[in-house]
Amino acid sequence: MTTPQSENTEYTVEFVDGPLEGQTDTRVLLHGKHDERISMVAAVDSMESLFWYDEVDAREVQGKLHVRYAFDSSDSDPVESNDEPDRGSAL
C-alpha cells in the first residue's frame, strides 16, 4: 500500500529537443522540488556523451508533475554523426 507522501516523490521528464528529443524519464523530487537543470549520459554513434538540459516549464498532468527540458548545446558534449552520404568509389 502506498501513502500519499510516497505517491508524490517522482516526476516525469520530457526532452523537447536535442539528442534526446521525444524521450521521457522519471526522476525523484528532492525536498519536494524538481531539478531546474539536469544532465544525461547517452551513447551517440557508440560514444558516451554528456548532455545538459534546462527547464522550460512544469505542469501537473493527471496528478503527477511533468517537467519539460530544452537542450543546452553550449555546455554539452558535441554531437557528431557519421551519417555522411556514401559517395561511392572513384571510377
N, C-alpha and C. Protein backbone atom coordinates (compact mmCIF):
# COMPACT_ATOMS: atom_id res chain seq x y z
N MET A 1 0.84 -1.18 0.00
CA MET A 1 0.00 0.00 0.00
C MET A 1 0.88 1.25 0.00
N THR A 2 0.51 2.22 -0.80
CA THR A 2 1.31 3.45 -0.88
C THR A 2 0.65 4.53 -0.04
N THR A 3 1.47 5.40 0.47
CA THR A 3 0.97 6.53 1.24
C THR A 3 0.92 7.75 0.33
N PRO A 4 0.11 8.75 0.64
CA PRO A 4 0.06 9.95 -0.21
C PRO A 4 1.44 10.59 -0.38
N GLN A 5 2.28 10.52 0.65
CA GLN A 5 3.60 11.12 0.55
C GLN A 5 4.46 10.39 -0.48
N SER A 6 4.41 9.06 -0.53
CA SER A 6 5.24 8.31 -1.47
C SER A 6 4.76 8.44 -2.90
N GLU A 7 3.50 8.75 -3.11
CA GLU A 7 2.97 8.91 -4.46
C GLU A 7 3.50 10.16 -5.15
N ASN A 8 3.92 11.14 -4.39
CA ASN A 8 4.36 12.42 -4.96
C ASN A 8 5.86 12.62 -4.83
N THR A 9 6.63 11.55 -4.94
CA THR A 9 8.08 11.68 -4.83
C THR A 9 8.77 11.64 -6.18
N GLU A 10 8.04 11.37 -7.24
CA GLU A 10 8.62 11.27 -8.58
C GLU A 10 7.96 12.27 -9.52
N TYR A 11 8.69 12.59 -10.58
CA TYR A 11 8.12 13.44 -11.62
C TYR A 11 8.59 12.95 -12.98
N THR A 12 7.85 13.32 -14.01
CA THR A 12 8.16 12.90 -15.38
C THR A 12 8.97 13.99 -16.06
N VAL A 13 10.04 13.58 -16.74
CA VAL A 13 10.91 14.47 -17.50
C VAL A 13 10.64 14.23 -18.98
N GLU A 14 10.46 15.31 -19.74
CA GLU A 14 10.32 15.21 -21.19
C GLU A 14 11.39 16.07 -21.85
N PHE A 15 12.14 15.49 -22.78
CA PHE A 15 13.18 16.21 -23.51
C PHE A 15 12.57 16.73 -24.81
N VAL A 16 12.52 18.07 -24.96
CA VAL A 16 11.80 18.66 -26.09
C VAL A 16 12.67 18.85 -27.33
N ASP A 17 13.99 18.75 -27.19
CA ASP A 17 14.86 18.91 -28.36
C ASP A 17 16.21 18.27 -28.06
N GLY A 18 17.17 18.46 -28.96
CA GLY A 18 18.50 17.91 -28.77
C GLY A 18 18.56 16.41 -29.05
N PRO A 19 19.64 15.77 -28.63
CA PRO A 19 19.84 14.36 -28.94
C PRO A 19 18.82 13.43 -28.29
N LEU A 20 18.17 13.87 -27.22
CA LEU A 20 17.19 13.03 -26.52
C LEU A 20 15.75 13.44 -26.84
N GLU A 21 15.56 14.25 -27.86
CA GLU A 21 14.24 14.76 -28.22
C GLU A 21 13.20 13.65 -28.29
N GLY A 22 12.06 13.89 -27.63
CA GLY A 22 10.95 12.94 -27.66
C GLY A 22 11.02 11.87 -26.59
N GLN A 23 12.15 11.75 -25.89
CA GLN A 23 12.27 10.74 -24.85
C GLN A 23 11.76 11.29 -23.52
N THR A 24 11.38 10.37 -22.65
CA THR A 24 10.95 10.74 -21.31
C THR A 24 11.75 9.94 -20.29
N ASP A 25 11.71 10.41 -19.06
CA ASP A 25 12.41 9.75 -17.96
C ASP A 25 11.62 10.03 -16.69
N THR A 26 11.89 9.28 -15.65
CA THR A 26 11.29 9.53 -14.35
C THR A 26 12.41 9.88 -13.39
N ARG A 27 12.22 10.96 -12.65
CA ARG A 27 13.21 11.42 -11.67
C ARG A 27 12.55 11.54 -10.31
N VAL A 28 13.38 11.62 -9.28
CA VAL A 28 12.90 11.74 -7.91
C VAL A 28 12.95 13.20 -7.48
N LEU A 29 11.88 13.66 -6.85
CA LEU A 29 11.86 15.01 -6.29
C LEU A 29 12.78 15.04 -5.06
N LEU A 30 13.58 16.08 -4.94
CA LEU A 30 14.42 16.26 -3.77
C LEU A 30 13.86 17.39 -2.93
N HIS A 31 13.50 17.08 -1.69
CA HIS A 31 12.87 18.04 -0.79
C HIS A 31 11.61 18.63 -1.43
N GLY A 32 10.90 17.79 -2.19
CA GLY A 32 9.65 18.21 -2.81
C GLY A 32 9.80 19.06 -4.05
N LYS A 33 11.03 19.21 -4.58
CA LYS A 33 11.25 20.06 -5.74
C LYS A 33 11.93 19.28 -6.87
N HIS A 34 11.65 19.72 -8.09
CA HIS A 34 12.32 19.12 -9.26
C HIS A 34 13.58 19.91 -9.59
N ASP A 35 14.43 19.32 -10.39
CA ASP A 35 15.68 19.98 -10.81
C ASP A 35 15.39 20.98 -11.92
N GLU A 36 16.00 22.16 -11.82
CA GLU A 36 15.87 23.15 -12.88
C GLU A 36 16.81 22.84 -14.04
N ARG A 37 17.86 22.07 -13.75
CA ARG A 37 18.87 21.71 -14.75
C ARG A 37 19.27 20.26 -14.49
N ILE A 38 19.30 19.47 -15.56
CA ILE A 38 19.67 18.07 -15.40
C ILE A 38 20.71 17.67 -16.45
N SER A 39 21.45 16.63 -16.13
CA SER A 39 22.41 16.09 -17.09
C SER A 39 22.01 14.65 -17.40
N MET A 40 22.34 14.23 -18.61
CA MET A 40 22.07 12.86 -19.04
C MET A 40 23.29 12.37 -19.81
N VAL A 41 23.63 11.12 -19.61
CA VAL A 41 24.69 10.48 -20.38
C VAL A 41 24.00 9.56 -21.37
N ALA A 42 24.36 9.69 -22.63
CA ALA A 42 23.75 8.85 -23.68
C ALA A 42 24.80 8.51 -24.72
N ALA A 43 24.60 7.40 -25.40
CA ALA A 43 25.51 6.98 -26.45
C ALA A 43 25.04 7.53 -27.79
N VAL A 44 25.94 8.21 -28.48
CA VAL A 44 25.68 8.71 -29.83
C VAL A 44 26.77 8.11 -30.71
N ASP A 45 26.37 7.35 -31.70
CA ASP A 45 27.33 6.65 -32.57
C ASP A 45 28.33 5.84 -31.74
N SER A 46 27.82 5.14 -30.74
CA SER A 46 28.59 4.25 -29.86
C SER A 46 29.59 4.97 -28.96
N MET A 47 29.47 6.29 -28.81
CA MET A 47 30.33 7.04 -27.88
C MET A 47 29.46 7.69 -26.82
N GLU A 48 29.86 7.54 -25.55
CA GLU A 48 29.12 8.18 -24.47
C GLU A 48 29.35 9.68 -24.49
N SER A 49 28.26 10.42 -24.32
CA SER A 49 28.33 11.88 -24.31
C SER A 49 27.50 12.40 -23.15
N LEU A 50 27.90 13.54 -22.60
CA LEU A 50 27.17 14.19 -21.51
C LEU A 50 26.36 15.33 -22.10
N PHE A 51 25.05 15.32 -21.83
CA PHE A 51 24.15 16.36 -22.34
C PHE A 51 23.49 17.08 -21.17
N TRP A 52 23.43 18.40 -21.26
CA TRP A 52 22.78 19.22 -20.24
C TRP A 52 21.45 19.75 -20.78
N TYR A 53 20.44 19.76 -19.92
CA TYR A 53 19.11 20.24 -20.27
C TYR A 53 18.62 21.20 -19.19
N ASP A 54 17.94 22.27 -19.62
CA ASP A 54 17.38 23.28 -18.72
C ASP A 54 15.86 23.24 -18.76
N GLU A 55 15.25 23.51 -17.63
CA GLU A 55 13.79 23.50 -17.52
C GLU A 55 13.16 24.55 -18.45
N VAL A 56 12.11 24.11 -19.16
CA VAL A 56 11.31 25.02 -19.99
C VAL A 56 10.06 25.41 -19.23
N ASP A 57 9.33 24.41 -18.73
CA ASP A 57 8.13 24.65 -17.95
C ASP A 57 7.77 23.40 -17.15
N ALA A 58 6.87 23.59 -16.20
CA ALA A 58 6.41 22.48 -15.35
C ALA A 58 4.91 22.60 -15.18
N ARG A 59 4.23 21.46 -15.19
CA ARG A 59 2.78 21.45 -15.00
C ARG A 59 2.37 20.10 -14.44
N GLU A 60 1.16 20.05 -13.94
CA GLU A 60 0.64 18.81 -13.42
C GLU A 60 -0.19 18.12 -14.50
N VAL A 61 0.09 16.83 -14.72
CA VAL A 61 -0.64 16.03 -15.70
C VAL A 61 -1.18 14.80 -14.97
N GLN A 62 -2.48 14.69 -14.89
CA GLN A 62 -3.15 13.58 -14.21
C GLN A 62 -2.60 13.37 -12.80
N GLY A 63 -2.41 14.48 -12.10
CA GLY A 63 -1.99 14.43 -10.71
C GLY A 63 -0.50 14.21 -10.49
N LYS A 64 0.30 14.20 -11.57
CA LYS A 64 1.74 13.99 -11.44
C LYS A 64 2.49 15.14 -12.10
N LEU A 65 3.58 15.58 -11.48
CA LEU A 65 4.38 16.67 -12.03
C LEU A 65 5.06 16.23 -13.32
N HIS A 66 4.97 17.08 -14.34
CA HIS A 66 5.55 16.82 -15.67
C HIS A 66 6.39 18.05 -16.02
N VAL A 67 7.71 17.86 -16.21
CA VAL A 67 8.62 18.98 -16.49
C VAL A 67 9.26 18.77 -17.85
N ARG A 68 9.22 19.83 -18.68
CA ARG A 68 9.85 19.77 -20.00
C ARG A 68 11.21 20.46 -19.92
N TYR A 69 12.20 19.87 -20.62
CA TYR A 69 13.57 20.38 -20.62
C TYR A 69 14.07 20.60 -22.04
N ALA A 70 14.85 21.68 -22.22
CA ALA A 70 15.44 22.01 -23.52
C ALA A 70 16.95 21.80 -23.47
N PHE A 71 17.50 21.38 -24.57
CA PHE A 71 18.92 21.06 -24.72
C PHE A 71 19.79 22.30 -24.62
N ASP A 72 20.86 22.23 -23.84
CA ASP A 72 21.85 23.31 -23.74
C ASP A 72 23.10 22.85 -24.47
N SER A 73 23.21 23.19 -25.74
CA SER A 73 24.34 22.72 -26.55
C SER A 73 25.67 23.33 -26.13
N SER A 74 25.65 24.53 -25.55
CA SER A 74 26.90 25.19 -25.18
C SER A 74 27.64 24.48 -24.04
N ASP A 75 26.92 23.82 -23.15
CA ASP A 75 27.54 23.11 -22.03
C ASP A 75 27.65 21.61 -22.26
N SER A 76 27.06 21.10 -23.32
CA SER A 76 27.03 19.67 -23.59
C SER A 76 28.19 19.24 -24.47
N ASP A 77 28.47 17.94 -24.44
CA ASP A 77 29.47 17.40 -25.37
C ASP A 77 28.98 17.61 -26.80
N PRO A 78 29.90 17.80 -27.74
CA PRO A 78 29.48 17.98 -29.14
C PRO A 78 28.78 16.73 -29.66
N VAL A 79 27.79 16.96 -30.49
CA VAL A 79 27.06 15.85 -31.10
C VAL A 79 27.52 15.76 -32.55
N GLU A 80 28.24 14.71 -32.84
CA GLU A 80 28.72 14.49 -34.20
C GLU A 80 28.15 13.18 -34.68
N SER A 81 27.81 13.13 -35.93
CA SER A 81 27.25 11.91 -36.50
C SER A 81 28.04 11.52 -37.73
N ASN A 82 28.16 10.22 -37.93
CA ASN A 82 28.85 9.70 -39.12
C ASN A 82 27.86 9.40 -40.23
N ASP A 83 26.82 10.22 -40.33
CA ASP A 83 25.77 9.98 -41.31
C ASP A 83 26.04 10.67 -42.63
N GLU A 84 27.31 10.86 -42.99
CA GLU A 84 27.63 11.47 -44.27
C GLU A 84 27.24 10.51 -45.38
N PRO A 85 26.73 11.04 -46.48
CA PRO A 85 26.34 10.14 -47.58
C PRO A 85 27.54 9.42 -48.17
N ASP A 86 27.31 8.20 -48.57
CA ASP A 86 28.37 7.41 -49.19
C ASP A 86 28.53 7.91 -50.62
N ARG A 87 29.72 8.39 -50.95
CA ARG A 87 29.94 8.95 -52.28
C ARG A 87 30.43 7.89 -53.27
N GLY A 88 30.55 6.68 -52.80
CA GLY A 88 30.99 5.61 -53.69
C GLY A 88 32.47 5.67 -53.97
N SER A 89 32.93 4.76 -54.73
CA SER A 89 34.36 4.72 -55.04
C SER A 89 34.63 5.47 -56.35
N ALA A 90 35.87 5.94 -56.47
CA ALA A 90 36.26 6.65 -57.68
C ALA A 90 36.31 5.70 -58.87
N LEU A 91 35.97 6.23 -60.02
CA LEU A 91 35.98 5.40 -61.25
C LEU A 91 37.33 5.31 -61.86
